[in-house]
């Protein structure tokens, strides 16, 4: 019997301000980086995968600019990434 795969996600950085929390996350299993955004005032929460060719810190510092781009899709935050 095989055990289900457990993704190990590490928080590389975090910043908060005016009710908005932004976290830079790295998945140790596959190397993918995401930026998780939570707005505690509105309850909105989403993740942005950092795509190939993008700079993770740019997405981290400007997540709403990246979320507004047509090629980016906001992904609802999953329980495995929430703190």
N, C-alpha and C. Protein backbone atom coordinates (compact mmCIF):
# COMPACT_ATOMS: atom_id res chain seq x y z
N UNK A 1 0.84 -1.18 0.00
CA UNK A 1 0.00 0.00 0.00
C UNK A 1 0.88 1.25 0.00
N UNK A 2 0.61 2.17 -0.91
CA UNK A 2 1.39 3.40 -0.96
C UNK A 2 0.72 4.47 -0.12
N UNK A 3 1.55 5.28 0.48
CA UNK A 3 1.04 6.38 1.30
C UNK A 3 0.80 7.60 0.42
N UNK A 4 -0.20 8.41 0.75
CA UNK A 4 -0.43 9.62 -0.03
C UNK A 4 0.77 10.57 0.08
N UNK A 5 1.03 11.27 -1.00
CA UNK A 5 2.15 12.22 -1.04
C UNK A 5 1.82 13.44 -0.19
N UNK A 6 2.77 13.84 0.61
CA UNK A 6 2.62 15.02 1.43
C UNK A 6 3.56 16.09 0.91
N UNK A 7 2.99 17.20 0.46
CA UNK A 7 3.81 18.30 0.00
C UNK A 7 4.36 19.06 1.20
N UNK A 8 5.64 19.34 1.15
CA UNK A 8 6.27 20.12 2.20
C UNK A 8 6.46 21.54 1.66
N UNK A 9 5.73 22.46 2.26
CA UNK A 9 5.80 23.86 1.82
C UNK A 9 6.51 24.68 2.87
N UNK A 10 7.44 25.48 2.42
CA UNK A 10 8.22 26.34 3.31
C UNK A 10 7.88 27.80 3.02
N UNK A 11 7.71 28.56 4.07
CA UNK A 11 7.49 29.99 3.92
C UNK A 11 8.85 30.68 3.86
N UNK A 12 9.12 31.34 2.74
CA UNK A 12 10.40 32.01 2.55
C UNK A 12 10.37 33.45 3.05
N UNK A 13 9.20 34.09 2.96
CA UNK A 13 9.08 35.47 3.39
C UNK A 13 7.61 35.77 3.66
N UNK A 14 7.37 36.81 4.44
CA UNK A 14 6.00 37.23 4.78
C UNK A 14 6.03 38.73 5.05
N UNK A 15 4.96 39.38 4.62
CA UNK A 15 4.80 40.80 4.96
C UNK A 15 3.32 41.07 5.18
N UNK A 16 3.04 42.03 6.04
CA UNK A 16 1.66 42.41 6.32
C UNK A 16 1.56 43.92 6.36
N UNK A 17 0.38 44.40 6.02
CA UNK A 17 0.11 45.84 6.09
C UNK A 17 -1.32 46.12 5.72
N UNK A 18 -1.98 46.93 6.51
CA UNK A 18 -3.35 47.35 6.26
C UNK A 18 -4.30 46.18 6.05
N UNK A 19 -4.10 45.13 6.82
CA UNK A 19 -5.00 43.98 6.75
C UNK A 19 -4.70 42.99 5.63
N UNK A 20 -3.62 43.22 4.90
CA UNK A 20 -3.24 42.32 3.81
C UNK A 20 -1.97 41.58 4.20
N UNK A 21 -2.04 40.26 4.08
CA UNK A 21 -0.89 39.42 4.36
C UNK A 21 -0.43 38.79 3.05
N UNK A 22 0.86 38.89 2.78
CA UNK A 22 1.44 38.30 1.56
C UNK A 22 2.55 37.36 2.01
N UNK A 23 2.50 36.11 1.50
CA UNK A 23 3.51 35.11 1.85
C UNK A 23 4.14 34.54 0.59
N UNK A 24 5.44 34.34 0.64
CA UNK A 24 6.18 33.71 -0.44
C UNK A 24 6.44 32.27 -0.03
N UNK A 25 5.89 31.33 -0.81
CA UNK A 25 5.94 29.91 -0.44
C UNK A 25 6.70 29.09 -1.47
N UNK A 26 7.47 28.13 -0.99
CA UNK A 26 8.24 27.24 -1.85
C UNK A 26 7.87 25.81 -1.51
N UNK A 27 7.52 25.02 -2.52
CA UNK A 27 7.20 23.61 -2.33
C UNK A 27 8.48 22.80 -2.49
N UNK A 28 8.91 22.19 -1.42
CA UNK A 28 10.16 21.44 -1.41
C UNK A 28 10.10 20.24 -2.35
N UNK A 29 8.92 19.64 -2.53
CA UNK A 29 8.80 18.43 -3.35
C UNK A 29 9.05 18.70 -4.83
N UNK A 30 8.47 19.78 -5.36
CA UNK A 30 8.58 20.02 -6.81
C UNK A 30 9.25 21.33 -7.18
N UNK A 31 9.62 22.14 -6.19
CA UNK A 31 10.34 23.38 -6.46
C UNK A 31 9.48 24.55 -6.89
N UNK A 32 8.16 24.37 -6.94
CA UNK A 32 7.29 25.47 -7.35
C UNK A 32 7.20 26.54 -6.27
N UNK A 33 7.11 27.78 -6.73
CA UNK A 33 7.00 28.93 -5.83
C UNK A 33 5.65 29.59 -6.07
N UNK A 34 4.97 29.94 -5.00
CA UNK A 34 3.70 30.65 -5.09
C UNK A 34 3.71 31.83 -4.14
N UNK A 35 2.85 32.79 -4.44
CA UNK A 35 2.63 33.92 -3.56
C UNK A 35 1.19 33.82 -3.07
N UNK A 36 1.01 33.76 -1.77
CA UNK A 36 -0.31 33.66 -1.16
C UNK A 36 -0.70 35.01 -0.59
N UNK A 37 -1.91 35.47 -0.92
CA UNK A 37 -2.39 36.78 -0.48
C UNK A 37 -3.69 36.57 0.29
N UNK A 38 -3.78 37.18 1.46
CA UNK A 38 -5.01 37.15 2.26
C UNK A 38 -5.35 38.57 2.67
N UNK A 39 -6.57 38.99 2.36
CA UNK A 39 -7.08 40.29 2.77
C UNK A 39 -8.04 40.04 3.92
N UNK A 40 -7.62 40.36 5.14
CA UNK A 40 -8.45 40.07 6.30
C UNK A 40 -9.67 40.98 6.38
N UNK A 41 -9.66 42.10 5.69
CA UNK A 41 -10.81 43.01 5.70
C UNK A 41 -11.96 42.47 4.85
N UNK A 42 -11.62 41.88 3.70
CA UNK A 42 -12.65 41.39 2.78
C UNK A 42 -12.83 39.88 2.84
N UNK A 43 -11.85 39.19 3.42
CA UNK A 43 -11.90 37.73 3.46
C UNK A 43 -11.38 37.08 2.19
N UNK A 44 -10.97 37.89 1.20
CA UNK A 44 -10.44 37.34 -0.05
C UNK A 44 -9.07 36.73 0.19
N UNK A 45 -8.86 35.56 -0.39
CA UNK A 45 -7.56 34.90 -0.29
C UNK A 45 -7.30 34.16 -1.59
N UNK A 46 -6.08 34.29 -2.11
CA UNK A 46 -5.73 33.62 -3.34
C UNK A 46 -4.23 33.38 -3.40
N UNK A 47 -3.84 32.50 -4.32
CA UNK A 47 -2.43 32.22 -4.58
C UNK A 47 -2.12 32.53 -6.04
N UNK A 48 -0.92 32.94 -6.26
CA UNK A 48 -0.42 33.15 -7.62
C UNK A 48 0.81 32.27 -7.81
N UNK A 49 0.75 31.33 -8.72
CA UNK A 49 1.97 30.57 -9.02
C UNK A 49 2.97 31.50 -9.71
N UNK A 50 4.22 31.42 -9.31
CA UNK A 50 5.27 32.18 -9.99
C UNK A 50 5.65 31.38 -11.22
N UNK A 51 5.47 31.99 -12.37
CA UNK A 51 5.70 31.29 -13.63
C UNK A 51 7.17 31.37 -14.05
N UNK A 52 7.53 30.46 -14.93
CA UNK A 52 8.89 30.45 -15.45
C UNK A 52 9.20 31.80 -16.09
N UNK A 53 10.36 32.33 -15.79
CA UNK A 53 10.77 33.62 -16.33
C UNK A 53 10.38 34.80 -15.46
N UNK A 54 9.52 34.59 -14.47
CA UNK A 54 9.13 35.66 -13.55
C UNK A 54 10.04 35.64 -12.33
N UNK A 55 10.19 36.79 -11.73
CA UNK A 55 11.00 36.89 -10.52
C UNK A 55 10.07 36.78 -9.32
N UNK A 56 10.36 35.82 -8.47
CA UNK A 56 9.49 35.53 -7.33
C UNK A 56 9.32 36.77 -6.44
N UNK A 57 10.38 37.51 -6.21
CA UNK A 57 10.26 38.69 -5.35
C UNK A 57 9.43 39.80 -5.98
N UNK A 58 9.43 39.88 -7.30
CA UNK A 58 8.57 40.85 -7.98
C UNK A 58 7.10 40.51 -7.77
N UNK A 59 6.77 39.23 -7.91
CA UNK A 59 5.39 38.79 -7.68
C UNK A 59 5.02 39.00 -6.21
N UNK A 60 5.95 38.72 -5.31
CA UNK A 60 5.75 38.89 -3.87
C UNK A 60 5.47 40.36 -3.53
N UNK A 61 6.22 41.27 -4.13
CA UNK A 61 6.06 42.70 -3.82
C UNK A 61 4.89 43.35 -4.56
N UNK A 62 4.44 42.77 -5.65
CA UNK A 62 3.36 43.36 -6.46
C UNK A 62 2.31 42.30 -6.85
N UNK A 63 1.74 41.59 -5.89
CA UNK A 63 0.84 40.48 -6.25
C UNK A 63 -0.43 40.93 -6.98
N UNK A 64 -0.95 42.08 -6.65
CA UNK A 64 -2.19 42.52 -7.31
C UNK A 64 -1.93 42.90 -8.76
N UNK A 65 -0.76 43.41 -9.06
CA UNK A 65 -0.42 43.72 -10.45
C UNK A 65 -0.35 42.42 -11.27
N UNK A 66 0.24 41.39 -10.69
CA UNK A 66 0.33 40.11 -11.39
C UNK A 66 -1.03 39.43 -11.48
N UNK A 67 -1.84 39.56 -10.43
CA UNK A 67 -3.17 38.94 -10.44
C UNK A 67 -4.08 39.57 -11.50
N UNK A 68 -3.82 40.81 -11.86
CA UNK A 68 -4.64 41.50 -12.85
C UNK A 68 -4.29 41.11 -14.29
N UNK A 69 -3.15 40.47 -14.48
CA UNK A 69 -2.74 40.09 -15.83
C UNK A 69 -3.62 38.94 -16.33
N UNK A 70 -4.02 38.99 -17.60
CA UNK A 70 -4.90 37.94 -18.13
C UNK A 70 -4.31 36.54 -18.06
N UNK A 71 -3.00 36.41 -18.17
CA UNK A 71 -2.41 35.07 -18.18
C UNK A 71 -2.30 34.47 -16.77
N UNK A 72 -2.55 35.28 -15.75
CA UNK A 72 -2.51 34.77 -14.39
C UNK A 72 -3.92 34.44 -13.94
N UNK A 73 -4.01 33.37 -13.20
CA UNK A 73 -5.29 32.95 -12.66
C UNK A 73 -5.15 32.85 -11.15
N UNK A 74 -6.02 33.53 -10.45
CA UNK A 74 -6.02 33.43 -9.00
C UNK A 74 -6.51 32.04 -8.61
N UNK A 75 -5.77 31.42 -7.74
CA UNK A 75 -6.13 30.09 -7.27
C UNK A 75 -6.52 30.23 -5.80
N UNK A 76 -7.73 29.78 -5.42
CA UNK A 76 -8.11 29.87 -4.01
C UNK A 76 -7.09 29.15 -3.14
N UNK A 77 -6.82 29.70 -2.00
CA UNK A 77 -5.85 29.09 -1.10
C UNK A 77 -6.42 27.79 -0.55
N UNK A 78 -5.57 26.77 -0.57
CA UNK A 78 -5.96 25.46 -0.06
C UNK A 78 -5.61 25.36 1.41
N UNK A 79 -6.23 24.44 2.07
CA UNK A 79 -6.00 24.26 3.51
C UNK A 79 -4.53 23.93 3.80
N UNK A 80 -3.85 23.27 2.86
CA UNK A 80 -2.46 22.88 3.09
C UNK A 80 -1.51 24.06 3.12
N UNK A 81 -1.92 25.21 2.53
CA UNK A 81 -1.05 26.37 2.51
C UNK A 81 -1.45 27.41 3.53
N UNK A 82 -2.58 27.29 4.17
CA UNK A 82 -2.99 28.30 5.13
C UNK A 82 -2.28 28.07 6.44
N UNK A 83 -2.09 29.17 7.21
CA UNK A 83 -1.40 29.02 8.48
C UNK A 83 -2.37 28.91 9.63
